[in-house]
Amino acid sequence: MVGSDVIDVARDAIWVFLIVAGPTMLVALVVGLAISLIQALTQVQEMTLTFVPKIVAIFVSLLVFLPFMGDALNGLMFRISDRIVNGL
């Protein structure tokens, strides 16, 4: 395996990581922004108010996006195993 092959595999793995983590992180971002906006408008500065809705939203988004995440990781594994089998 040449250095460029290692870079290609690493680039592919980082890209898949961003694709897999992106939807959940966007949900957390939107929920956090909405909660902070509500806190700023109502001047309620309760710390647990930020964590509970965000945790619930992340859990629901993980359940919704789990098939997509599995397909993306499965595709990465197939590409890596093809490289191993073909000796590239």
N, C-alpha and C. Protein backbone atom coordinates (compact mmCIF):
# COMPACT_ATOMS: atom_id res chain seq x y z
N MET A 1 0.84 -1.17 0.00
CA MET A 1 0.00 0.00 0.00
C MET A 1 0.90 1.24 0.00
N VAL A 2 0.65 2.08 -0.95
CA VAL A 2 1.44 3.29 -1.14
C VAL A 2 0.82 4.42 -0.30
N GLY A 3 1.59 5.46 -0.09
CA GLY A 3 1.11 6.58 0.70
C GLY A 3 -0.15 7.22 0.17
N SER A 4 -0.26 7.27 -1.16
CA SER A 4 -1.47 7.87 -1.74
C SER A 4 -2.71 7.01 -1.48
N ASP A 5 -2.53 5.68 -1.40
CA ASP A 5 -3.65 4.80 -1.07
C ASP A 5 -4.12 5.03 0.37
N VAL A 6 -3.18 5.23 1.26
CA VAL A 6 -3.52 5.50 2.65
C VAL A 6 -4.28 6.82 2.76
N ILE A 7 -3.84 7.81 2.01
CA ILE A 7 -4.52 9.10 2.02
C ILE A 7 -5.92 8.97 1.44
N ASP A 8 -6.09 8.16 0.39
CA ASP A 8 -7.42 7.95 -0.19
C ASP A 8 -8.36 7.27 0.80
N VAL A 9 -7.87 6.25 1.50
CA VAL A 9 -8.70 5.56 2.49
C VAL A 9 -9.05 6.50 3.64
N ALA A 10 -8.08 7.29 4.10
CA ALA A 10 -8.33 8.23 5.19
C ALA A 10 -9.32 9.30 4.75
N ARG A 11 -9.18 9.80 3.53
CA ARG A 11 -10.10 10.81 3.02
C ARG A 11 -11.51 10.25 2.93
N ASP A 12 -11.63 9.03 2.45
CA ASP A 12 -12.94 8.38 2.35
C ASP A 12 -13.54 8.17 3.74
N ALA A 13 -12.73 7.76 4.70
CA ALA A 13 -13.23 7.54 6.06
C ALA A 13 -13.66 8.85 6.71
N ILE A 14 -12.91 9.92 6.51
CA ILE A 14 -13.29 11.22 7.08
C ILE A 14 -14.58 11.72 6.44
N TRP A 15 -14.71 11.53 5.13
CA TRP A 15 -15.92 11.96 4.43
C TRP A 15 -17.14 11.19 4.95
N VAL A 16 -17.00 9.87 5.13
CA VAL A 16 -18.10 9.07 5.66
C VAL A 16 -18.42 9.49 7.09
N PHE A 17 -17.39 9.79 7.88
CA PHE A 17 -17.62 10.26 9.24
C PHE A 17 -18.45 11.54 9.24
N LEU A 18 -18.13 12.48 8.36
CA LEU A 18 -18.89 13.73 8.29
C LEU A 18 -20.32 13.49 7.82
N ILE A 19 -20.50 12.57 6.89
CA ILE A 19 -21.84 12.26 6.40
C ILE A 19 -22.67 11.58 7.49
N VAL A 20 -22.04 10.70 8.27
CA VAL A 20 -22.76 9.98 9.31
C VAL A 20 -23.09 10.90 10.49
N ALA A 21 -22.14 11.73 10.89
CA ALA A 21 -22.34 12.57 12.07
C ALA A 21 -23.09 13.86 11.76
N GLY A 22 -23.13 14.25 10.51
CA GLY A 22 -23.72 15.53 10.13
C GLY A 22 -25.19 15.72 10.52
N PRO A 23 -26.07 14.80 10.16
CA PRO A 23 -27.48 15.02 10.49
C PRO A 23 -27.75 15.15 11.99
N THR A 24 -27.11 14.33 12.78
CA THR A 24 -27.31 14.39 14.23
C THR A 24 -26.76 15.69 14.80
N MET A 25 -25.62 16.11 14.30
CA MET A 25 -25.04 17.36 14.78
C MET A 25 -25.89 18.57 14.37
N LEU A 26 -26.47 18.52 13.18
CA LEU A 26 -27.35 19.60 12.76
C LEU A 26 -28.61 19.67 13.62
N VAL A 27 -29.16 18.51 13.97
CA VAL A 27 -30.32 18.49 14.86
C VAL A 27 -29.97 19.08 16.21
N ALA A 28 -28.81 18.70 16.75
CA ALA A 28 -28.37 19.25 18.04
C ALA A 28 -28.16 20.75 17.94
N LEU A 29 -27.62 21.22 16.83
CA LEU A 29 -27.40 22.64 16.63
C LEU A 29 -28.71 23.41 16.59
N VAL A 30 -29.67 22.91 15.83
CA VAL A 30 -30.95 23.60 15.69
C VAL A 30 -31.71 23.61 17.02
N VAL A 31 -31.72 22.48 17.71
CA VAL A 31 -32.43 22.42 19.00
C VAL A 31 -31.74 23.31 20.02
N GLY A 32 -30.43 23.30 20.07
CA GLY A 32 -29.70 24.16 20.99
C GLY A 32 -29.94 25.63 20.71
N LEU A 33 -29.97 25.99 19.43
CA LEU A 33 -30.23 27.37 19.06
C LEU A 33 -31.64 27.78 19.44
N ALA A 34 -32.61 26.90 19.22
CA ALA A 34 -34.00 27.21 19.58
C ALA A 34 -34.15 27.36 21.09
N ILE A 35 -33.55 26.47 21.85
CA ILE A 35 -33.64 26.55 23.31
C ILE A 35 -32.96 27.82 23.82
N SER A 36 -31.81 28.16 23.27
CA SER A 36 -31.13 29.37 23.73
C SER A 36 -31.91 30.62 23.36
N LEU A 37 -32.59 30.59 22.22
CA LEU A 37 -33.42 31.73 21.84
C LEU A 37 -34.60 31.86 22.80
N ILE A 38 -35.21 30.74 23.15
CA ILE A 38 -36.32 30.76 24.11
C ILE A 38 -35.84 31.26 25.47
N GLN A 39 -34.66 30.80 25.88
CA GLN A 39 -34.11 31.27 27.15
C GLN A 39 -33.81 32.76 27.13
N ALA A 40 -33.31 33.25 26.02
CA ALA A 40 -33.01 34.68 25.93
C ALA A 40 -34.28 35.53 25.93
N LEU A 41 -35.32 35.02 25.28
CA LEU A 41 -36.56 35.78 25.21
C LEU A 41 -37.31 35.78 26.54
N THR A 42 -37.27 34.66 27.25
CA THR A 42 -38.02 34.56 28.51
C THR A 42 -37.16 34.85 29.72
N GLN A 43 -35.87 34.97 29.56
CA GLN A 43 -34.90 35.21 30.63
C GLN A 43 -34.94 34.12 31.70
N VAL A 44 -35.23 32.90 31.28
CA VAL A 44 -35.17 31.74 32.17
C VAL A 44 -33.81 31.09 31.93
N GLN A 45 -32.94 31.11 32.91
CA GLN A 45 -31.58 30.59 32.75
C GLN A 45 -31.39 29.29 33.53
N GLU A 46 -32.22 28.34 33.26
CA GLU A 46 -32.12 27.03 33.93
C GLU A 46 -31.20 26.13 33.09
N MET A 47 -30.19 25.53 33.73
CA MET A 47 -29.20 24.72 33.01
C MET A 47 -29.79 23.42 32.48
N THR A 48 -30.69 22.81 33.23
CA THR A 48 -31.25 21.53 32.77
C THR A 48 -32.18 21.72 31.59
N LEU A 49 -32.68 22.92 31.40
CA LEU A 49 -33.57 23.20 30.28
C LEU A 49 -32.86 23.02 28.94
N THR A 50 -31.55 23.23 28.92
CA THR A 50 -30.81 23.09 27.67
C THR A 50 -30.48 21.64 27.36
N PHE A 51 -30.25 20.83 28.38
CA PHE A 51 -29.77 19.47 28.15
C PHE A 51 -30.88 18.48 27.80
N VAL A 52 -31.98 18.53 28.49
CA VAL A 52 -33.03 17.52 28.32
C VAL A 52 -33.62 17.54 26.90
N PRO A 53 -34.06 18.67 26.37
CA PRO A 53 -34.59 18.64 25.00
C PRO A 53 -33.54 18.25 23.96
N LYS A 54 -32.30 18.68 24.18
CA LYS A 54 -31.25 18.35 23.22
C LYS A 54 -30.96 16.86 23.23
N ILE A 55 -30.92 16.25 24.40
CA ILE A 55 -30.68 14.81 24.50
C ILE A 55 -31.82 14.03 23.85
N VAL A 56 -33.05 14.45 24.10
CA VAL A 56 -34.20 13.77 23.49
C VAL A 56 -34.16 13.92 21.97
N ALA A 57 -33.85 15.11 21.48
CA ALA A 57 -33.79 15.34 20.04
C ALA A 57 -32.68 14.53 19.39
N ILE A 58 -31.53 14.44 20.04
CA ILE A 58 -30.43 13.65 19.49
C ILE A 58 -30.80 12.17 19.47
N PHE A 59 -31.44 11.68 20.52
CA PHE A 59 -31.86 10.28 20.55
C PHE A 59 -32.86 9.98 19.44
N VAL A 60 -33.83 10.85 19.24
CA VAL A 60 -34.82 10.65 18.18
C VAL A 60 -34.15 10.72 16.80
N SER A 61 -33.22 11.67 16.63
CA SER A 61 -32.54 11.76 15.34
C SER A 61 -31.67 10.54 15.08
N LEU A 62 -31.06 9.98 16.11
CA LEU A 62 -30.29 8.74 15.93
C LEU A 62 -31.19 7.60 15.49
N LEU A 63 -32.38 7.51 16.07
CA LEU A 63 -33.32 6.47 15.66
C LEU A 63 -33.77 6.66 14.22
N VAL A 64 -33.98 7.91 13.82
CA VAL A 64 -34.46 8.20 12.46
C VAL A 64 -33.35 7.96 11.43
N PHE A 65 -32.13 8.42 11.73
CA PHE A 65 -31.04 8.36 10.77
C PHE A 65 -30.21 7.07 10.86
N LEU A 66 -30.57 6.15 11.73
CA LEU A 66 -29.77 4.93 11.90
C LEU A 66 -29.65 4.10 10.62
N PRO A 67 -30.72 3.89 9.84
CA PRO A 67 -30.54 3.13 8.59
C PRO A 67 -29.58 3.82 7.62
N PHE A 68 -29.67 5.13 7.51
CA PHE A 68 -28.77 5.88 6.64
C PHE A 68 -27.33 5.76 7.11
N MET A 69 -27.12 5.85 8.41
CA MET A 69 -25.77 5.74 8.96
C MET A 69 -25.20 4.34 8.73
N GLY A 70 -26.03 3.33 8.92
CA GLY A 70 -25.59 1.96 8.68
C GLY A 70 -25.21 1.72 7.23
N ASP A 71 -26.00 2.27 6.31
CA ASP A 71 -25.68 2.12 4.88
C ASP A 71 -24.37 2.82 4.53
N ALA A 72 -24.15 4.00 5.08
CA ALA A 72 -22.91 4.72 4.79
C ALA A 72 -21.70 3.98 5.33
N LEU A 73 -21.80 3.46 6.55
CA LEU A 73 -20.68 2.72 7.13
C LEU A 73 -20.47 1.37 6.44
N ASN A 74 -21.58 0.75 6.01
CA ASN A 74 -21.49 -0.50 5.27
C ASN A 74 -20.80 -0.28 3.93
N GLY A 75 -21.12 0.81 3.25
CA GLY A 75 -20.46 1.13 1.99
C GLY A 75 -18.97 1.37 2.17
N LEU A 76 -18.60 2.06 3.25
CA LEU A 76 -17.18 2.27 3.54
C LEU A 76 -16.47 0.94 3.76
N MET A 77 -17.10 0.05 4.50
CA MET A 77 -16.48 -1.25 4.76
C MET A 77 -16.30 -2.05 3.47
N PHE A 78 -17.31 -2.00 2.59
CA PHE A 78 -17.18 -2.70 1.30
C PHE A 78 -16.05 -2.11 0.46
N ARG A 79 -15.92 -0.78 0.45
CA ARG A 79 -14.85 -0.16 -0.32
C ARG A 79 -13.48 -0.53 0.24
N ILE A 80 -13.35 -0.55 1.56
CA ILE A 80 -12.07 -0.91 2.16
C ILE A 80 -11.77 -2.38 1.92
N SER A 81 -12.77 -3.26 2.05
CA SER A 81 -12.52 -4.68 1.80
C SER A 81 -12.19 -4.95 0.34
N ASP A 82 -12.80 -4.21 -0.58
CA ASP A 82 -12.44 -4.33 -2.00
C ASP A 82 -10.98 -3.93 -2.24
N ARG A 83 -10.54 -2.88 -1.56
CA ARG A 83 -9.13 -2.48 -1.68
C ARG A 83 -8.20 -3.57 -1.14
N ILE A 84 -8.60 -4.21 -0.06
CA ILE A 84 -7.78 -5.27 0.52
C ILE A 84 -7.72 -6.47 -0.41
N VAL A 85 -8.87 -6.86 -0.94
CA VAL A 85 -8.92 -8.02 -1.83
C VAL A 85 -8.15 -7.77 -3.12
N ASN A 86 -8.31 -6.58 -3.69
CA ASN A 86 -7.66 -6.28 -4.95
C ASN A 86 -6.19 -5.88 -4.78
N GLY A 87 -5.77 -5.68 -3.56
CA GLY A 87 -4.37 -5.34 -3.29
C GLY A 87 -4.03 -3.92 -3.65
N LEU A 88 -5.01 -3.03 -3.60
CA LEU A 88 -4.76 -1.63 -3.95
C LEU A 88 -4.51 -0.86 -2.70
